[in-house]
Amino acid sequence: TDNPQLNYAMPVTPIETAFLGAAVERLRVLFAS
């Protein structure tokens, strides 16, 4: 299913705000795949 509630990400380690944009872009690529 593509139900968003069953396809999601959760943070597991702290990440600096300056690097969050790049982290979200990696998530976008992964979810798009």
PDB file of all heavy atoms in Angstrom:
ATOM      1  N   THR A   1       0.824  -1.194   0.000  1.00  0.00           N
ATOM      2  CA  THR A   1       0.000   0.000   0.000  1.00  0.00           C
ATOM      3  C   THR A   1       0.864   1.250   0.000  1.00  0.00           C
ATOM      4  O   THR A   1       1.977   1.238   0.546  1.00  0.00           O
ATOM      5  CB  THR A   1      -0.925   0.028   1.231  1.00  0.00           C
ATOM      6  OG1 THR A   1      -1.674   1.254   1.239  1.00  0.00           O
ATOM      7  CG2 THR A   1      -0.138  -0.065   2.525  1.00  0.00           C
ATOM      8  N   ASP A   2       0.345   2.323  -0.611  1.00  0.00           N
ATOM      9  CA  ASP A   2       1.052   3.597  -0.566  1.00  0.00           C
ATOM     10  C   ASP A   2       0.486   4.512   0.516  1.00  0.00           C
ATOM     11  O   ASP A   2       0.776   5.707   0.541  1.00  0.00           O
ATOM     12  CB  ASP A   2       0.999   4.294  -1.930  1.00  0.00           C
ATOM     13  CG  ASP A   2      -0.425   4.576  -2.395  1.00  0.00           C
ATOM     14  OD1 ASP A   2      -1.379   4.277  -1.649  1.00  0.00           O
ATOM     15  OD2 ASP A   2      -0.588   5.114  -3.512  1.00  0.00           O
ATOM     16  N   ASN A   3      -0.310   3.953   1.426  1.00  0.00           N
ATOM     17  CA  ASN A   3      -0.849   4.708   2.551  1.00  0.00           C
ATOM     18  C   ASN A   3       0.303   5.372   3.308  1.00  0.00           C
ATOM     19  O   ASN A   3       1.192   4.677   3.809  1.00  0.00           O
ATOM     20  CB  ASN A   3      -1.617   3.761   3.485  1.00  0.00           C
ATOM     21  CG  ASN A   3      -2.289   4.492   4.637  1.00  0.00           C
ATOM     22  OD1 ASN A   3      -1.891   5.580   5.031  1.00  0.00           O
ATOM     23  ND2 ASN A   3      -3.301   3.869   5.208  1.00  0.00           N
ATOM     24  N   PRO A   4       0.317   6.714   3.403  1.00  0.00           N
ATOM     25  CA  PRO A   4       1.438   7.400   4.065  1.00  0.00           C
ATOM     26  C   PRO A   4       1.675   6.943   5.502  1.00  0.00           C
ATOM     27  O   PRO A   4       2.811   6.971   5.990  1.00  0.00           O
ATOM     28  CB  PRO A   4       1.026   8.874   4.010  1.00  0.00           C
ATOM     29  CG  PRO A   4       0.088   8.970   2.859  1.00  0.00           C
ATOM     30  CD  PRO A   4      -0.662   7.667   2.856  1.00  0.00           C
ATOM     31  N   GLN A   5       0.607   6.510   6.191  1.00  0.00           N
ATOM     32  CA  GLN A   5       0.774   6.075   7.572  1.00  0.00           C
ATOM     33  C   GLN A   5       1.568   4.779   7.688  1.00  0.00           C
ATOM     34  O   GLN A   5       2.042   4.430   8.769  1.00  0.00           O
ATOM     35  CB  GLN A   5      -0.597   5.914   8.231  1.00  0.00           C
ATOM     36  CG  GLN A   5      -1.342   7.226   8.375  1.00  0.00           C
ATOM     37  CD  GLN A   5      -2.638   7.084   9.125  1.00  0.00           C
ATOM     38  OE1 GLN A   5      -3.026   5.989   9.530  1.00  0.00           O
ATOM     39  NE2 GLN A   5      -3.332   8.184   9.335  1.00  0.00           N
ATOM     40  N   LEU A   6       1.723   4.054   6.581  1.00  0.00           N
ATOM     41  CA  LEU A   6       2.478   2.806   6.580  1.00  0.00           C
ATOM     42  C   LEU A   6       3.776   2.928   5.793  1.00  0.00           C
ATOM     43  O   LEU A   6       4.483   1.940   5.606  1.00  0.00           O
ATOM     44  CB  LEU A   6       1.613   1.680   6.000  1.00  0.00           C
ATOM     45  CG  LEU A   6       0.330   1.371   6.768  1.00  0.00           C
ATOM     46  CD1 LEU A   6      -0.463   0.282   6.058  1.00  0.00           C
ATOM     47  CD2 LEU A   6       0.631   0.968   8.206  1.00  0.00           C
ATOM     48  N   ASN A   7       4.095   4.128   5.345  1.00  0.00           N
ATOM     49  CA  ASN A   7       5.338   4.401   4.620  1.00  0.00           C
ATOM     50  C   ASN A   7       5.894   5.719   5.156  1.00  0.00           C
ATOM     51  O   ASN A   7       5.439   6.795   4.764  1.00  0.00           O
ATOM     52  CB  ASN A   7       5.074   4.509   3.114  1.00  0.00           C
ATOM     53  CG  ASN A   7       4.545   3.226   2.508  1.00  0.00           C
ATOM     54  OD1 ASN A   7       5.307   2.373   2.083  1.00  0.00           O
ATOM     55  ND2 ASN A   7       3.220   3.081   2.455  1.00  0.00           N
ATOM     56  N   TYR A   8       6.864   5.630   6.068  1.00  0.00           N
ATOM     57  CA  TYR A   8       7.282   6.839   6.765  1.00  0.00           C
ATOM     58  C   TYR A   8       8.711   6.701   7.292  1.00  0.00           C
ATOM     59  O   TYR A   8       9.278   5.603   7.332  1.00  0.00           O
ATOM     60  CB  TYR A   8       6.342   7.128   7.929  1.00  0.00           C
ATOM     61  CG  TYR A   8       6.308   6.042   8.978  1.00  0.00           C
ATOM     62  CD1 TYR A   8       7.075   6.139  10.130  1.00  0.00           C
ATOM     63  CD2 TYR A   8       5.503   4.914   8.822  1.00  0.00           C
ATOM     64  CE1 TYR A   8       7.058   5.139  11.087  1.00  0.00           C
ATOM     65  CE2 TYR A   8       5.466   3.912   9.777  1.00  0.00           C
ATOM     66  CZ  TYR A   8       6.245   4.029  10.903  1.00  0.00           C
ATOM     67  OH  TYR A   8       6.228   3.036  11.851  1.00  0.00           O
ATOM     68  N   ALA A   9       9.267   7.852   7.697  1.00  0.00           N
ATOM     69  CA  ALA A   9      10.609   7.902   8.276  1.00  0.00           C
ATOM     70  C   ALA A   9      10.522   8.434   9.702  1.00  0.00           C
ATOM     71  O   ALA A   9       9.616   9.213  10.035  1.00  0.00           O
ATOM     72  CB  ALA A   9      11.516   8.804   7.445  1.00  0.00           C
ATOM     73  N   MET A  10      11.472   8.003  10.554  1.00  0.00           N
ATOM     74  CA  MET A  10      11.596   8.535  11.905  1.00  0.00           C
ATOM     75  C   MET A  10      13.055   8.855  12.176  1.00  0.00           C
ATOM     76  O   MET A  10      13.950   8.126  11.725  1.00  0.00           O
ATOM     77  CB  MET A  10      11.107   7.519  12.945  1.00  0.00           C
ATOM     78  CG  MET A  10       9.624   7.255  12.933  1.00  0.00           C
ATOM     79  SD  MET A  10       9.115   6.151  14.304  1.00  0.00           S
ATOM     80  CE  MET A  10       9.311   7.262  15.711  1.00  0.00           C
ATOM     81  N   PRO A  11      13.344   9.943  12.882  1.00  0.00           N
ATOM     82  CA  PRO A  11      14.741  10.243  13.240  1.00  0.00           C
ATOM     83  C   PRO A  11      15.242   9.253  14.278  1.00  0.00           C
ATOM     84  O   PRO A  11      14.506   8.870  15.196  1.00  0.00           O
ATOM     85  CB  PRO A  11      14.657  11.659  13.817  1.00  0.00           C
ATOM     86  CG  PRO A  11      13.261  11.763  14.352  1.00  0.00           C
ATOM     87  CD  PRO A  11      12.405  10.939  13.432  1.00  0.00           C
ATOM     88  N   VAL A  12      16.489   8.836  14.134  1.00  0.00           N
ATOM     89  CA  VAL A  12      17.077   7.908  15.096  1.00  0.00           C
ATOM     90  C   VAL A  12      18.357   8.455  15.716  1.00  0.00           C
ATOM     91  O   VAL A  12      18.793   7.979  16.757  1.00  0.00           O
ATOM     92  CB  VAL A  12      17.357   6.527  14.453  1.00  0.00           C
ATOM     93  CG1 VAL A  12      16.054   5.831  14.114  1.00  0.00           C
ATOM     94  CG2 VAL A  12      18.217   6.657  13.206  1.00  0.00           C
ATOM     95  N   THR A  13      18.966   9.449  15.069  1.00  0.00           N
ATOM     96  CA  THR A  13      20.142  10.111  15.633  1.00  0.00           C
ATOM     97  C   THR A  13      20.019  11.607  15.373  1.00  0.00           C
ATOM     98  O   THR A  13      19.414  12.017  14.375  1.00  0.00           O
ATOM     99  CB  THR A  13      21.457   9.601  15.002  1.00  0.00           C
ATOM    100  OG1 THR A  13      21.420   9.814  13.579  1.00  0.00           O
ATOM    101  CG2 THR A  13      21.661   8.125  15.287  1.00  0.00           C
ATOM    102  N   PRO A  14      20.581  12.433  16.259  1.00  0.00           N
ATOM    103  CA  PRO A  14      20.502  13.884  16.063  1.00  0.00           C
ATOM    104  C   PRO A  14      21.175  14.301  14.747  1.00  0.00           C
ATOM    105  O   PRO A  14      22.126  13.659  14.292  1.00  0.00           O
ATOM    106  CB  PRO A  14      21.254  14.443  17.270  1.00  0.00           C
ATOM    107  CG  PRO A  14      21.215  13.356  18.288  1.00  0.00           C
ATOM    108  CD  PRO A  14      21.257  12.076  17.514  1.00  0.00           C
ATOM    109  N   ILE A  15      20.661  15.361  14.147  1.00  0.00           N
ATOM    110  CA  ILE A  15      21.240  15.890  12.920  1.00  0.00           C
ATOM    111  C   ILE A  15      21.240  17.414  13.000  1.00  0.00           C
ATOM    112  O   ILE A  15      20.256  18.023  13.434  1.00  0.00           O
ATOM    113  CB  ILE A  15      20.465  15.409  11.670  1.00  0.00           C
ATOM    114  CG1 ILE A  15      21.109  15.944  10.397  1.00  0.00           C
ATOM    115  CG2 ILE A  15      19.009  15.787  11.739  1.00  0.00           C
ATOM    116  CD1 ILE A  15      20.534  15.327   9.133  1.00  0.00           C
ATOM    117  N   GLU A  16      22.344  18.030  12.625  1.00  0.00           N
ATOM    118  CA  GLU A  16      22.445  19.478  12.688  1.00  0.00           C
ATOM    119  C   GLU A  16      21.534  20.104  11.637  1.00  0.00           C
ATOM    120  O   GLU A  16      21.378  19.597  10.526  1.00  0.00           O
ATOM    121  CB  GLU A  16      23.894  19.917  12.451  1.00  0.00           C
ATOM    122  CG  GLU A  16      24.858  19.479  13.553  1.00  0.00           C
ATOM    123  CD  GLU A  16      26.261  20.010  13.306  1.00  0.00           C
ATOM    124  OE1 GLU A  16      26.388  21.062  12.643  1.00  0.00           O
ATOM    125  OE2 GLU A  16      27.217  19.367  13.759  1.00  0.00           O
ATOM    126  N   THR A  17      20.941  21.236  12.005  1.00  0.00           N
ATOM    127  CA  THR A  17      20.007  21.916  11.109  1.00  0.00           C
ATOM    128  C   THR A  17      20.642  22.217   9.757  1.00  0.00           C
ATOM    129  O   THR A  17      19.981  22.121   8.713  1.00  0.00           O
ATOM    130  CB  THR A  17      19.521  23.225  11.756  1.00  0.00           C
ATOM    131  OG1 THR A  17      18.894  22.930  13.014  1.00  0.00           O
ATOM    132  CG2 THR A  17      18.519  23.935  10.861  1.00  0.00           C
ATOM    133  N   ALA A  18      21.920  22.541   9.752  1.00  0.00           N
ATOM    134  CA  ALA A  18      22.596  22.901   8.503  1.00  0.00           C
ATOM    135  C   ALA A  18      22.615  21.747   7.503  1.00  0.00           C
ATOM    136  O   ALA A  18      22.713  21.968   6.292  1.00  0.00           O
ATOM    137  CB  ALA A  18      24.025  23.356   8.803  1.00  0.00           C
ATOM    138  N   PHE A  19      22.517  20.521   7.997  1.00  0.00           N
ATOM    139  CA  PHE A  19      22.579  19.354   7.112  1.00  0.00           C
ATOM    140  C   PHE A  19      21.212  18.726   6.856  1.00  0.00           C
ATOM    141  O   PHE A  19      21.112  17.738   6.139  1.00  0.00           O
ATOM    142  CB  PHE A  19      23.513  18.296   7.712  1.00  0.00           C
ATOM    143  CG  PHE A  19      24.920  18.783   7.923  1.00  0.00           C
ATOM    144  CD1 PHE A  19      25.401  19.046   9.199  1.00  0.00           C
ATOM    145  CD2 PHE A  19      25.762  19.009   6.830  1.00  0.00           C
ATOM    146  CE1 PHE A  19      26.696  19.504   9.399  1.00  0.00           C
ATOM    147  CE2 PHE A  19      27.061  19.466   7.019  1.00  0.00           C
ATOM    148  CZ  PHE A  19      27.532  19.724   8.303  1.00  0.00           C
ATOM    149  N   LEU A  20      20.169  19.303   7.461  1.00  0.00           N
ATOM    150  CA  LEU A  20      18.859  18.685   7.349  1.00  0.00           C
ATOM    151  C   LEU A  20      18.304  18.758   5.930  1.00  0.00           C
ATOM    152  O   LEU A  20      17.662  17.827   5.451  1.00  0.00           O
ATOM    153  CB  LEU A  20      17.876  19.333   8.318  1.00  0.00           C
ATOM    154  CG  LEU A  20      16.512  18.652   8.401  1.00  0.00           C
ATOM    155  CD1 LEU A  20      16.656  17.217   8.895  1.00  0.00           C
ATOM    156  CD2 LEU A  20      15.573  19.414   9.309  1.00  0.00           C
ATOM    157  N   GLY A  21      18.569  19.874   5.236  1.00  0.00           N
ATOM    158  CA  GLY A  21      18.090  20.005   3.863  1.00  0.00           C
ATOM    159  C   GLY A  21      18.591  18.871   2.987  1.00  0.00           C
ATOM    160  O   GLY A  21      17.819  18.267   2.226  1.00  0.00           O
ATOM    161  N   ALA A  22      19.877  18.552   3.096  1.00  0.00           N
ATOM    162  CA  ALA A  22      20.448  17.460   2.312  1.00  0.00           C
ATOM    163  C   ALA A  22      19.854  16.120   2.739  1.00  0.00           C
ATOM    164  O   ALA A  22      19.614  15.241   1.904  1.00  0.00           O
ATOM    165  CB  ALA A  22      21.968  17.433   2.482  1.00  0.00           C
ATOM    166  N   ALA A  23      19.579  15.968   4.041  1.00  0.00           N
ATOM    167  CA  ALA A  23      18.988  14.715   4.532  1.00  0.00           C
ATOM    168  C   ALA A  23      17.584  14.524   3.969  1.00  0.00           C
ATOM    169  O   ALA A  23      17.198  13.408   3.598  1.00  0.00           O
ATOM    170  CB  ALA A  23      18.954  14.729   6.058  1.00  0.00           C
ATOM    171  N   VAL A  24      16.812  15.609   3.895  1.00  0.00           N
ATOM    172  CA  VAL A  24      15.464  15.522   3.333  1.00  0.00           C
ATOM    173  C   VAL A  24      15.526  15.188   1.848  1.00  0.00           C
ATOM    174  O   VAL A  24      14.711  14.404   1.341  1.00  0.00           O
ATOM    175  CB  VAL A  24      14.684  16.829   3.576  1.00  0.00           C
ATOM    176  CG1 VAL A  24      13.361  16.823   2.807  1.00  0.00           C
ATOM    177  CG2 VAL A  24      14.417  17.023   5.062  1.00  0.00           C
ATOM    178  N   GLU A  25      16.499  15.754   1.143  1.00  0.00           N
ATOM    179  CA  GLU A  25      16.633  15.440  -0.281  1.00  0.00           C
ATOM    180  C   GLU A  25      16.936  13.962  -0.490  1.00  0.00           C
ATOM    181  O   GLU A  25      16.423  13.326  -1.414  1.00  0.00           O
ATOM    182  CB  GLU A  25      17.726  16.303  -0.920  1.00  0.00           C
ATOM    183  CG  GLU A  25      17.340  17.761  -1.092  1.00  0.00           C
ATOM    184  CD  GLU A  25      16.039  17.911  -1.871  1.00  0.00           C
ATOM    185  OE1 GLU A  25      15.864  17.237  -2.910  1.00  0.00           O
ATOM    186  OE2 GLU A  25      15.174  18.689  -1.424  1.00  0.00           O
ATOM    187  N   ARG A  26      17.753  13.388   0.402  1.00  0.00           N
ATOM    188  CA  ARG A  26      18.031  11.942   0.298  1.00  0.00           C
ATOM    189  C   ARG A  26      16.756  11.138   0.556  1.00  0.00           C
ATOM    190  O   ARG A  26      16.519  10.107  -0.094  1.00  0.00           O
ATOM    191  CB  ARG A  26      19.134  11.551   1.285  1.00  0.00           C
ATOM    192  CG  ARG A  26      20.535  12.020   0.874  1.00  0.00           C
ATOM    193  CD  ARG A  26      21.614  11.336   1.702  1.00  0.00           C
ATOM    194  NE  ARG A  26      21.573  11.735   3.085  1.00  0.00           N
ATOM    195  CZ  ARG A  26      22.242  12.787   3.583  1.00  0.00           C
ATOM    196  NH1 ARG A  26      22.970  13.548   2.776  1.00  0.00           N
ATOM    197  NH2 ARG A  26      22.166  13.085   4.874  1.00  0.00           N
ATOM    198  N   LEU A  27      15.952  11.617   1.514  1.00  0.00           N
ATOM    199  CA  LEU A  27      14.676  10.945   1.757  1.00  0.00           C
ATOM    200  C   LEU A  27      13.780  11.029   0.523  1.00  0.00           C
ATOM    201  O   LEU A  27      13.107  10.055   0.166  1.00  0.00           O
ATOM    202  CB  LEU A  27      13.961  11.570   2.959  1.00  0.00           C
ATOM    203  CG  LEU A  27      14.504  11.249   4.351  1.00  0.00           C
ATOM    204  CD1 LEU A  27      13.720  12.004   5.412  1.00  0.00           C
ATOM    205  CD2 LEU A  27      14.464   9.752   4.631  1.00  0.00           C
ATOM    206  N   ARG A  28      13.765  12.179  -0.130  1.00  0.00           N
ATOM    207  CA  ARG A  28      12.932  12.343  -1.330  1.00  0.00           C
ATOM    208  C   ARG A  28      13.335  11.343  -2.412  1.00  0.00           C
ATOM    209  O   ARG A  28      12.478  10.729  -3.054  1.00  0.00           O
ATOM    210  CB  ARG A  28      13.044  13.774  -1.852  1.00  0.00           C
ATOM    211  CG  ARG A  28      12.294  14.802  -1.019  1.00  0.00           C
ATOM    212  CD  ARG A  28      12.302  16.170  -1.675  1.00  0.00           C
ATOM    213  NE  ARG A  28      11.374  17.061  -1.020  1.00  0.00           N
ATOM    214  CZ  ARG A  28      11.709  18.184  -0.380  1.00  0.00           C
ATOM    215  NH1 ARG A  28      12.981  18.558  -0.325  1.00  0.00           N
ATOM    216  NH2 ARG A  28      10.785  18.941   0.184  1.00  0.00           N
ATOM    217  N   VAL A  29      14.613  11.182  -2.607  1.00  0.00           N
ATOM    218  CA  VAL A  29      15.102  10.235  -3.614  1.00  0.00           C
ATOM    219  C   VAL A  29      14.706   8.814  -3.227  1.00  0.00           C
ATOM    220  O   VAL A  29      14.247   8.024  -4.065  1.00  0.00           O
ATOM    221  CB  VAL A  29      16.632  10.353  -3.773  1.00  0.00           C
ATOM    222  CG1 VAL A  29      17.169   9.225  -4.656  1.00  0.00           C
ATOM    223  CG2 VAL A  29      17.001  11.708  -4.369  1.00  0.00           C
ATOM    224  N   LEU A  30      14.865   8.485  -1.949  1.00  0.00           N
ATOM    225  CA  LEU A  30      14.549   7.137  -1.479  1.00  0.00           C
ATOM    226  C   LEU A  30      13.055   6.848  -1.608  1.00  0.00           C
ATOM    227  O   LEU A  30      12.653   5.787  -2.107  1.00  0.00           O
ATOM    228  CB  LEU A  30      14.995   6.984  -0.022  1.00  0.00           C
ATOM    229  CG  LEU A  30      14.736   5.623   0.636  1.00  0.00           C
ATOM    230  CD1 LEU A  30      15.450   4.509  -0.122  1.00  0.00           C
ATOM    231  CD2 LEU A  30      15.197   5.658   2.100  1.00  0.00           C
ATOM    232  N   PHE A  31      12.209   7.774  -1.165  1.00  0.00           N
ATOM    233  CA  PHE A  31      10.763   7.570  -1.260  1.00  0.00           C
ATOM    234  C   PHE A  31      10.325   7.506  -2.721  1.00  0.00           C
ATOM    235  O   PHE A  31       9.447   6.703  -3.076  1.00  0.00           O
ATOM    236  CB  PHE A  31      10.016   8.687  -0.528  1.00  0.00           C
ATOM    237  CG  PHE A  31       9.830   8.435   0.944  1.00  0.00           C
ATOM    238  CD1 PHE A  31      10.896   8.575   1.830  1.00  0.00           C
ATOM    239  CD2 PHE A  31       8.598   8.065   1.454  1.00  0.00           C
ATOM    240  CE1 PHE A  31      10.733   8.354   3.190  1.00  0.00           C
ATOM    241  CE2 PHE A  31       8.415   7.829   2.806  1.00  0.00           C
ATOM    242  CZ  PHE A  31       9.491   7.974   3.681  1.00  0.00           C
ATOM    243  N   ALA A  32      10.911   8.331  -3.580  1.00  0.00           N
ATOM    244  CA  ALA A  32      10.557   8.307  -5.002  1.00  0.00           C
ATOM    245  C   ALA A  32      10.906   6.967  -5.632  1.00  0.00           C
ATOM    246  O   ALA A  32      10.192   6.478  -6.516  1.00  0.00           O
ATOM    247  CB  ALA A  32      11.258   9.440  -5.736  1.00  0.00           C
ATOM    248  N   SER A  33      11.990   6.342  -5.164  1.00  0.00           N
ATOM    249  CA  SER A  33      12.386   5.042  -5.710  1.00  0.00           C
ATOM    250  C   SER A  33      11.369   3.961  -5.378  1.00  0.00           C
ATOM    251  O   SER A  33      11.330   2.917  -6.039  1.00  0.00           O
ATOM    252  CB  SER A  33      13.764   4.637  -5.178  1.00  0.00           C
ATOM    253  OG  SER A  33      13.709   4.270  -3.802  1.00  0.00           O
TER     254      SER A  33
END
